[in-house]
Protein backbone atom coordinates (compact mmCIF):
# COMPACT_ATOMS: atom_id res chain seq x y z
CA MET A 1 0.00 0.00 0.00
CA VAL A 2 0.97 3.63 -0.59
CA GLU A 3 -0.45 6.63 1.20
CA SER A 4 -2.41 9.21 -0.74
CA LYS A 5 -4.06 12.45 0.16
CA THR A 6 -7.46 11.00 -0.60
CA GLY A 7 -6.95 7.73 1.18
CA VAL A 8 -8.63 5.86 -1.70
CA THR A 9 -5.67 4.74 -3.77
CA GLN A 10 -4.03 1.35 -4.02
CA ILE A 11 -1.14 -0.33 -5.83
CA LYS A 12 -1.71 -2.89 -8.55
CA ASN A 13 1.78 -4.35 -8.40
CA GLY A 14 1.45 -7.30 -6.02
CA ASN A 15 4.67 -7.84 -4.09
CA TYR A 16 6.93 -6.18 -6.66
CA HIS A 17 8.10 -3.72 -4.04
CA TRP A 18 10.27 -6.55 -2.63
CA VAL A 19 11.85 -6.99 -6.07
CA ILE A 20 12.61 -3.27 -6.12
CA LEU A 21 14.11 -3.49 -2.64
CA SER A 22 16.26 -6.47 -3.68
CA ILE A 23 17.65 -4.49 -6.64
CA LEU A 24 18.43 -1.54 -4.38
CA VAL A 25 20.13 -3.80 -1.83
CA LEU A 26 22.26 -5.34 -4.59
CA ALA A 27 23.26 -1.93 -5.94
CA GLN A 28 24.03 -0.62 -2.45
CA LEU A 29 26.06 -3.74 -1.67
CA VAL A 30 28.38 -3.71 -4.70
CA MET A 31 28.89 0.05 -4.57
CA SER A 32 29.67 -0.12 -0.86
CA MET A 33 32.26 -2.81 -1.55
CA GLY A 34 34.00 -0.10 -3.55
CA ALA A 35 33.51 2.63 -0.97
CA TYR A 36 34.80 0.41 1.88
CA VAL A 37 37.67 -1.20 0.00
CA TRP A 38 40.27 1.25 1.31
CA GLY A 39 40.36 -0.11 4.87
CA PRO A 40 41.11 -3.72 3.88
CA LEU A 41 43.35 -2.45 1.07
CA ALA A 42 45.30 -0.17 3.44
CA PRO A 43 48.07 -2.69 4.34
CA GLU A 44 48.66 -3.40 0.62
CA LEU A 45 48.77 0.30 -0.26
CA ARG A 46 51.10 0.98 2.64
CA ASP A 47 53.51 -1.78 1.64
CA ASN A 48 53.33 -1.41 -2.16
CA PHE A 49 53.28 2.38 -2.50
CA GLY A 50 54.83 3.53 0.79
CA LEU A 51 51.76 5.49 1.91
CA ASN A 52 51.21 6.85 5.41
CA ARG A 53 47.89 6.82 7.25
CA ALA A 54 46.93 10.34 6.22
CA GLN A 55 47.47 9.51 2.53
CA ILE A 56 45.36 6.35 2.84
CA GLY A 57 42.64 8.40 4.48
CA SER A 58 42.85 10.95 1.67
CA ILE A 59 41.90 8.29 -0.90
CA THR A 60 38.64 7.72 0.95
CA SER A 61 38.17 11.48 1.13
CA ALA A 62 38.63 11.79 -2.64
CA LEU A 63 35.76 9.35 -3.23
CA TYR A 64 33.47 11.19 -0.85
CA PHE A 65 34.53 14.63 -2.08
CA THR A 66 33.07 14.01 -5.53
CA SER A 67 30.13 12.24 -3.89
CA VAL A 68 29.37 15.48 -2.07
CA LEU A 69 29.71 17.50 -5.28
CA VAL A 70 27.08 15.38 -7.06
CA ALA A 71 24.76 14.80 -4.09
CA ILE A 72 22.47 17.81 -4.53
CA PRO A 73 22.45 17.82 -8.38
CA SER A 74 21.74 14.09 -8.48
CA GLY A 75 19.01 14.45 -5.85
CA LEU A 76 17.33 17.07 -8.01
CA ALA A 77 17.80 14.87 -11.07
CA VAL A 78 16.21 11.87 -9.31
CA ASP A 79 13.15 13.95 -8.42
CA ARG A 80 12.85 15.18 -12.02
CA LEU A 81 13.93 12.18 -14.09
CA GLY A 82 13.23 9.20 -11.84
CA ALA A 83 15.49 6.60 -10.27
CA ARG A 84 16.00 3.94 -12.96
CA ILE A 85 18.23 5.76 -15.45
CA LEU A 86 20.39 7.27 -12.71
CA LEU A 87 20.72 3.93 -10.92
CA ILE A 88 22.11 2.33 -14.07
CA PHE A 89 24.41 5.29 -14.76
CA SER A 90 25.80 5.35 -11.22
CA LEU A 91 26.65 1.64 -11.31
CA VAL A 92 28.34 1.91 -14.71
CA ILE A 93 30.49 4.93 -13.83
CA MET A 94 31.66 3.38 -10.56
CA GLY A 95 32.23 -0.02 -12.15
CA LEU A 96 34.37 1.53 -14.87
CA SER A 97 36.48 3.40 -12.30
CA PHE A 98 37.22 0.24 -10.30
CA THR A 99 37.98 -1.80 -13.40
CA LEU A 100 40.63 0.76 -14.36
CA MET A 101 42.26 0.48 -10.91
CA ILE A 102 43.96 -2.73 -11.97
CA PHE A 103 46.42 -0.50 -13.87
CA ALA A 104 47.31 1.56 -10.78
CA ARG A 105 51.01 2.31 -10.34
CA SER A 106 50.93 5.44 -8.16
CA TYR A 107 49.15 7.21 -5.31
CA ILE A 108 47.83 9.93 -7.65
CA TYR A 109 46.26 7.30 -9.89
CA PHE A 110 44.28 6.00 -6.92
CA LEU A 111 43.17 9.50 -5.97
CA VAL A 112 41.87 10.24 -9.47
CA LEU A 113 39.98 6.96 -9.87
CA ALA A 114 38.60 7.10 -6.33
CA ALA A 115 37.28 10.56 -7.12
CA ALA A 116 35.74 9.31 -10.39
CA SER A 117 34.03 6.42 -8.58
CA GLY A 118 32.58 8.91 -6.11
CA ILE A 119 30.46 10.37 -8.92
CA GLY A 120 28.51 7.11 -9.00
CA TYR A 121 28.54 6.50 -5.26
CA GLY A 122 27.23 10.00 -4.57
CA MET A 123 23.92 9.13 -6.27
CA ILE A 124 22.91 5.83 -4.70
CA ASN A 125 21.33 7.07 -1.47
CA GLN A 126 19.12 9.60 -3.25
CA ILE A 127 18.10 6.99 -5.82
CA SER A 128 17.31 4.30 -3.26
CA THR A 129 15.54 6.68 -0.89
CA LYS A 130 13.30 7.83 -3.73
CA GLY A 131 12.49 4.23 -4.63
CA ILE A 132 11.62 3.26 -1.07
CA MET A 133 9.49 6.37 -0.53
CA TYR A 134 7.43 5.43 -3.59
CA TRP A 135 7.22 1.68 -3.08
CA PHE A 136 6.76 1.37 0.73
CA SER A 137 4.21 2.76 3.16
CA SER A 138 5.16 4.46 6.42
CA LYS A 139 4.44 1.23 8.36
CA LEU A 140 7.31 -0.57 6.61
CA ARG A 141 9.46 2.31 5.42
CA ALA A 142 12.13 2.38 8.14
CA THR A 143 12.38 -1.41 8.04
CA ALA A 144 12.77 -1.34 4.24
CA MET A 145 15.34 1.43 4.55
CA GLY A 146 17.20 -0.63 7.13
CA ILE A 147 17.20 -3.67 4.86
CA LYS A 148 18.44 -1.53 1.97
CA GLN A 149 21.19 -0.03 4.13
CA THR A 150 22.41 -3.52 5.04
CA GLY A 151 23.89 -3.53 1.56
CA VAL A 152 26.47 -1.07 2.88
CA THR A 153 27.61 -3.21 5.79
CA ILE A 154 27.34 -6.54 3.98
CA GLY A 155 29.43 -5.06 1.20
CA GLY A 156 31.98 -3.90 3.77
CA ALA A 157 32.00 -7.31 5.45
CA ILE A 158 32.45 -9.15 2.15
CA ILE A 159 35.32 -6.95 1.07
CA ALA A 160 37.00 -7.30 4.48
CA VAL A 161 37.15 -11.06 3.86
CA LEU A 162 37.47 -11.15 0.07
CA LEU A 163 40.25 -8.65 -0.51
CA PRO A 164 42.82 -10.00 2.01
CA THR A 165 42.13 -13.52 0.71
CA LEU A 166 42.56 -12.58 -2.95
CA SER A 167 45.62 -10.49 -2.08
CA ALA A 168 47.25 -13.40 -0.29
CA ILE A 169 46.50 -15.97 -3.01
CA TYR A 170 46.70 -13.81 -6.13
CA ASP A 171 46.97 -10.01 -6.08
CA TRP A 172 44.95 -7.08 -4.74
CA ARG A 173 44.26 -5.99 -8.34
CA LEU A 174 42.06 -9.04 -8.84
CA GLY A 175 39.96 -7.85 -5.90
CA VAL A 176 39.23 -4.42 -7.35
CA LEU A 177 38.53 -5.99 -10.77
CA VAL A 178 35.94 -8.30 -9.20
CA ILE A 179 34.27 -5.27 -7.59
CA GLY A 180 34.10 -3.49 -10.94
CA ILE A 181 32.60 -6.51 -12.70
CA LEU A 182 29.95 -6.92 -9.97
CA MET A 183 28.89 -3.30 -10.47
CA PHE A 184 28.38 -3.93 -14.20
CA VAL A 185 26.31 -7.03 -13.36
CA ALA A 186 24.13 -4.99 -10.98
CA ALA A 187 23.62 -2.38 -13.72
CA VAL A 188 22.30 -5.08 -16.07
CA VAL A 189 19.94 -6.39 -13.37
CA ALA A 190 18.60 -2.86 -12.82
CA LEU A 191 18.18 -2.35 -16.57
CA ILE A 192 16.07 -5.49 -16.87
CA LEU A 193 14.04 -5.52 -13.65
CA TYR A 194 13.78 -2.04 -12.12
CA ARG A 195 10.44 -0.24 -12.48
CA GLU A 196 10.32 3.48 -11.95
CA LYS A 197 7.44 3.57 -9.46
CA PRO A 198 4.28 1.64 -8.64
CA GLU A 199 1.15 2.19 -10.66
CA ILE A 200 -1.44 3.87 -8.45
CA THR A 201 -5.15 3.57 -9.23
CA SER A 202 -8.24 4.82 -7.46
CA ILE A 203 -10.96 2.45 -6.34
CA ASP A 204 -13.05 3.38 -9.39
CA GLY A 205 -10.16 2.33 -11.66
CA THR A 206 -8.87 5.78 -12.61
CA VAL A 207 -5.10 5.82 -13.10
CA MET A 208 -3.38 8.43 -10.95
CA VAL A 209 0.08 9.48 -12.13
CA SER A 210 2.24 11.55 -9.83
CA THR A 211 4.52 14.06 -11.53
CA PRO A 212 7.79 15.55 -10.26
CA SER A 213 7.69 19.07 -8.95
CA ARG A 214 8.95 21.73 -11.38
CA LYS A 215 10.30 23.73 -8.45
CA VAL A 216 12.18 20.97 -6.72
CA GLU A 217 15.30 22.90 -5.77
CA LYS A 218 13.46 25.90 -4.35
CA GLY A 219 11.01 23.68 -2.49
CA ALA A 220 13.72 21.45 -1.07
CA LEU A 221 15.92 24.27 0.15
CA LYS A 222 12.93 26.05 1.64
CA LYS A 223 11.95 22.93 3.56
CA VAL A 224 15.43 22.51 4.99
CA MET A 225 15.67 26.13 6.06
CA ALA A 226 12.17 26.14 7.56
CA ASN A 227 12.32 22.85 9.49
CA PRO A 228 14.49 22.93 12.64
CA VAL A 229 14.61 19.13 12.89
CA LEU A 230 16.16 18.89 9.43
CA LEU A 231 18.63 21.62 10.31
CA ILE A 232 19.74 19.77 13.44
CA LEU A 233 20.02 16.53 11.45
CA CYS A 234 22.37 18.35 9.08
CA ILE A 235 24.50 19.41 12.05
CA LEU A 236 24.68 16.03 13.79
CA THR A 237 24.89 13.52 10.94
CA PRO A 238 28.43 14.58 9.89
CA LEU A 239 29.63 13.55 13.36
CA LEU A 240 28.13 10.08 13.03
CA ALA A 241 29.37 9.79 9.44
CA MET A 242 32.90 10.67 10.58
CA GLY A 243 32.81 7.88 13.16
CA GLN A 244 31.51 5.42 10.57
CA ILE A 245 34.19 6.09 7.98
CA CYS A 246 37.04 6.21 10.52
CA ILE A 247 36.08 2.77 11.79
CA ALA A 248 35.93 1.43 8.23
CA SER A 249 39.25 3.02 7.26
CA PHE A 250 41.41 2.45 10.35
CA LEU A 251 40.08 -0.35 12.54
CA MET A 252 42.14 -3.03 10.79
CA LEU A 253 45.33 -0.96 10.92
CA TYR A 254 44.73 -0.19 14.59
CA LEU A 255 44.27 -3.86 15.43
CA GLU A 256 47.43 -4.83 13.54
CA GLU A 257 49.67 -1.99 14.69
CA ASP A 258 48.59 -1.34 18.30
CA LEU A 259 47.09 -4.67 19.39
CA SER A 260 49.37 -6.95 17.31
CA PHE A 261 46.50 -8.79 15.65
CA SER A 262 47.31 -10.95 12.63
CA VAL A 263 45.87 -9.85 9.28
CA GLY A 264 43.38 -12.71 9.44
CA LEU A 265 42.20 -11.91 12.97
CA ALA A 266 41.96 -8.18 12.20
CA GLY A 267 39.95 -8.99 9.06
CA ALA A 268 37.65 -11.22 11.10
CA CYS A 269 37.08 -8.41 13.60
CA MET A 270 36.33 -6.01 10.75
CA THR A 271 33.87 -8.51 9.29
CA VAL A 272 32.13 -8.88 12.66
CA THR A 273 31.94 -5.08 12.91
CA MET A 274 30.25 -4.86 9.52
CA ILE A 275 27.87 -7.69 10.39
CA ALA A 276 26.96 -5.81 13.57
CA GLY A 277 26.29 -2.77 11.41
CA THR A 278 24.07 -4.89 9.17
CA VAL A 279 22.06 -6.15 12.13
CA GLY A 280 21.92 -2.63 13.52
CA ARG A 281 20.51 -1.10 10.34
CA ILE A 282 17.68 -3.61 10.21
CA GLY A 283 17.27 -3.76 13.98
CA TRP A 284 17.05 -0.02 14.61
CA GLY A 285 14.57 0.26 11.73
CA ILE A 286 12.38 -2.48 13.19
CA ILE A 287 12.68 -0.96 16.66
CA SER A 288 11.64 2.41 15.25
CA ASP A 289 8.68 0.97 13.31
CA ARG A 290 7.43 -1.52 15.89
CA VAL A 291 8.69 -0.75 19.39
CA PHE A 292 8.50 3.05 19.13
CA ALA A 293 5.53 3.09 16.70
CA GLY A 294 7.30 5.14 14.04
CA ASP A 295 9.27 7.40 16.38
CA ARG A 296 12.65 7.90 14.72
CA ILE A 297 14.35 9.93 17.47
CA LYS A 298 14.20 7.73 20.58
CA PRO A 299 16.12 4.79 19.06
CA VAL A 300 18.78 7.21 17.80
CA ILE A 301 19.30 8.58 21.32
CA LEU A 302 19.89 5.04 22.53
CA LEU A 303 22.23 4.05 19.72
CA THR A 304 24.39 7.19 19.96
CA PHE A 305 24.97 6.58 23.66
CA ILE A 306 25.97 2.97 22.96
CA ALA A 307 28.32 4.31 20.26
CA PHE A 308 29.94 6.54 22.88
CA ILE A 309 30.55 3.52 25.13
CA GLY A 310 32.05 1.47 22.28
CA ALA A 311 34.46 4.14 21.03
CA SER A 312 35.53 5.11 24.55
CA GLY A 313 36.29 1.50 25.41
CA MET A 314 38.23 0.94 22.16
CA ALA A 315 40.58 3.79 23.08
CA PHE A 316 41.77 2.03 26.26
CA LEU A 317 42.60 -1.37 24.74
CA THR A 318 46.15 -2.73 24.90
CA GLU A 319 48.01 -5.74 23.49
CA SER A 320 47.09 -7.66 26.66
CA SER A 321 43.35 -7.00 26.30
CA PRO A 322 41.30 -10.20 25.83
CA VAL A 323 40.27 -10.76 22.23
CA TRP A 324 36.62 -11.12 23.20
CA ILE A 325 36.59 -7.59 24.64
CA VAL A 326 38.03 -6.21 21.40
CA PHE A 327 35.33 -7.99 19.40
CA PHE A 328 32.62 -6.87 21.85
CA LEU A 329 33.58 -3.21 21.55
CA ALA A 330 33.84 -3.56 17.76
CA ILE A 331 30.30 -4.96 17.75
CA LEU A 332 29.05 -1.99 19.78
CA MET A 333 30.68 0.44 17.37
CA GLY A 334 29.48 -1.44 14.31
CA GLY A 335 25.90 -1.70 15.48
CA THR A 336 25.74 2.02 16.17
CA PHE A 337 28.25 4.10 14.19
CA ILE A 338 27.53 1.94 11.14
CA GLY A 339 23.92 1.10 12.04
CA TRP A 340 22.46 4.62 12.43
CA ASN A 341 21.77 5.48 8.79
CA ALA A 342 18.41 3.91 8.08
CA VAL A 343 16.46 5.59 10.87
CA LEU A 344 17.79 9.08 10.20
CA ILE A 345 17.48 8.77 6.41
CA THR A 346 13.87 7.70 6.90
CA LEU A 347 13.23 10.67 9.19
CA GLY A 348 14.62 13.13 6.66
CA ALA A 349 12.74 11.53 3.76
CA GLU A 350 9.44 11.52 5.66
CA ILE A 351 9.79 15.20 6.48
CA ALA A 352 10.51 15.86 2.79
CA GLY A 353 7.68 13.75 1.38
CA GLN A 354 7.74 11.62 -1.79
CA GLU A 355 8.19 14.41 -4.32
CA LEU A 356 11.17 16.04 -2.59
CA ALA A 357 12.79 12.94 -1.08
CA GLY A 358 15.68 12.85 -3.52
CA SER A 359 16.43 16.56 -3.21
CA ILE A 360 16.30 16.63 0.59
CA MET A 361 18.47 13.51 0.73
CA GLY A 362 20.99 15.17 -1.56
CA ILE A 363 21.16 18.19 0.72
CA MET A 364 21.44 16.07 3.88
CA LEU A 365 24.16 13.89 2.38
CA THR A 366 26.12 16.87 1.11
CA VAL A 367 26.34 18.10 4.69
CA ALA A 368 26.74 14.66 6.29
CA TRP A 369 29.52 13.59 3.96
CA THR A 370 31.66 16.53 4.99
CA GLY A 371 32.36 14.37 8.03
CA ILE A 372 33.41 11.53 5.74
CA ILE A 373 35.71 13.81 3.74
CA ILE A 374 37.32 15.40 6.78
CA GLY A 375 37.28 12.36 9.06
CA PRO A 376 39.88 9.96 7.60
CA PRO A 377 42.71 12.51 7.11
CA VAL A 378 42.06 14.03 10.55
CA PHE A 379 41.88 10.63 12.27
CA GLY A 380 44.98 9.50 10.36
CA PHE A 381 46.89 12.65 11.34
CA ILE A 382 45.92 12.20 15.00
CA ALA A 383 46.99 8.54 14.87
CA ASP A 384 50.32 9.49 13.27
CA SER A 385 51.07 12.32 15.71
CA SER A 386 49.45 11.28 19.01
CA GLY A 387 48.32 7.69 18.67
CA TYR A 388 45.00 5.95 18.13
CA PHE A 389 43.83 6.66 21.68
CA TRP A 390 42.92 10.27 20.84
CA GLY A 391 41.36 9.27 17.54
CA TRP A 392 38.89 6.93 19.24
CA GLN A 393 38.23 9.50 21.97
CA LEU A 394 37.39 12.08 19.29
CA ILE A 395 34.62 9.99 17.75
CA ALA A 396 33.42 9.03 21.24
CA VAL A 397 32.92 12.73 22.02
CA PHE A 398 31.07 13.16 18.73
CA ALA A 399 28.70 10.33 19.69
CA LEU A 400 28.02 11.96 23.06
CA ILE A 401 27.30 15.31 21.38
CA CYS A 402 24.78 13.50 19.17
CA THR A 403 23.13 11.90 22.20
CA PHE A 404 22.46 15.29 23.77
CA GLY A 405 21.55 16.77 20.38
CA PHE A 406 18.87 14.17 19.74
CA PHE A 407 17.54 14.61 23.28
CA TYR A 408 16.96 18.23 22.29
CA VAL A 409 15.34 17.16 19.00
CA SER A 410 12.96 14.88 20.90
CA GLY A 411 11.76 17.77 23.05
CA LEU A 412 11.61 20.08 20.06
CA THR A 413 9.46 17.61 18.13
CA LYS A 414 7.00 17.37 21.00
CA ARG A 415 6.73 21.16 21.19
CA MET A 416 6.17 21.37 17.43
CA GLU A 417 3.41 18.73 17.64
CA LEU A 418 1.70 20.57 20.53
CA LYS A 419 1.91 23.82 18.60
CA GLY A 420 0.46 22.18 15.50
CA ASN A 421 -2.46 20.74 17.47
CA SER A 422 -3.27 23.99 19.26
């Protein structure tokens, strides 16, 4: 079912919304394998090209820099042109970039191709959010968004296992080639199976076709500026995004260098972290839909506080720390710093509405991804100059700031509801 203003519309597409969700999960998964490849690839880049931590972090930043540049334009394009054509384009451009990485011989080459792949990656959240807003009702929307977002963490978990294995047996170049090929495969699947949006008909059989707004940009910007909840989301999400990308980029190096983990054990811990993020993205969505009856703020308050505990604990680990404690803290960080996305993306999209979902998401991601651009070089610099302890403490403080920030949002939302009912 899909909501309508009249309350008398229905979808004549059976269960095809689950097919759409499966396509979006596949696209998110293979593109996230590319976005998260730099953490597992870090030891190879360090040894083969003599890179320091800040340079490795800068490769991730290059990908997200171009992602930020295209976020708002692609969000507007999704609202005007639809999701299908941009989904195919984003997969092809990112797949081509990763296929060309097999010829890499220098640090600059990686920077350029990472930046090119970011053009594709910068579109996927707007595309998938638009699709879910059209194909799922509010009763299932956060759950569907959580399932879709598991593509990110599953992709990260797969690459954490796949790349070290391929590197040990063959060469890291085979790993990036496989990622590129998978993106091309996903593009073909989208070309064949993806439908733009469900066909809506009234009870009397009249076809109702929704059309994109011709003033998308003005409407989207006006909504952001006028809604204090969206403004606060734009302030806080970069902090969570910074924690997420720093974990993905540096956890394996930290485990190897400071805790003397083997490559295999560090990769296993990274995989567990991504699995925890996968469970978190679905779990927080279900908790929001079912336990809190659609409240998106309360579960975020809980998860940000747990994130604070996980990052704080990680900072105090030593070589003598039991392995199970390391894995436990990694699970806490994965389930929160990597598991937060679905609930907050759903909140932003619901405030925007179906017609402006892509545009609002583009604006939110442009702001949120500043944390992803800034985070890895800053964390890497701190680790190089002062040690990992202060890097983990930094993202712990960010999580605590978010906890208090969302407490404020919760009260603000209640006041806005009371004002609207008066």
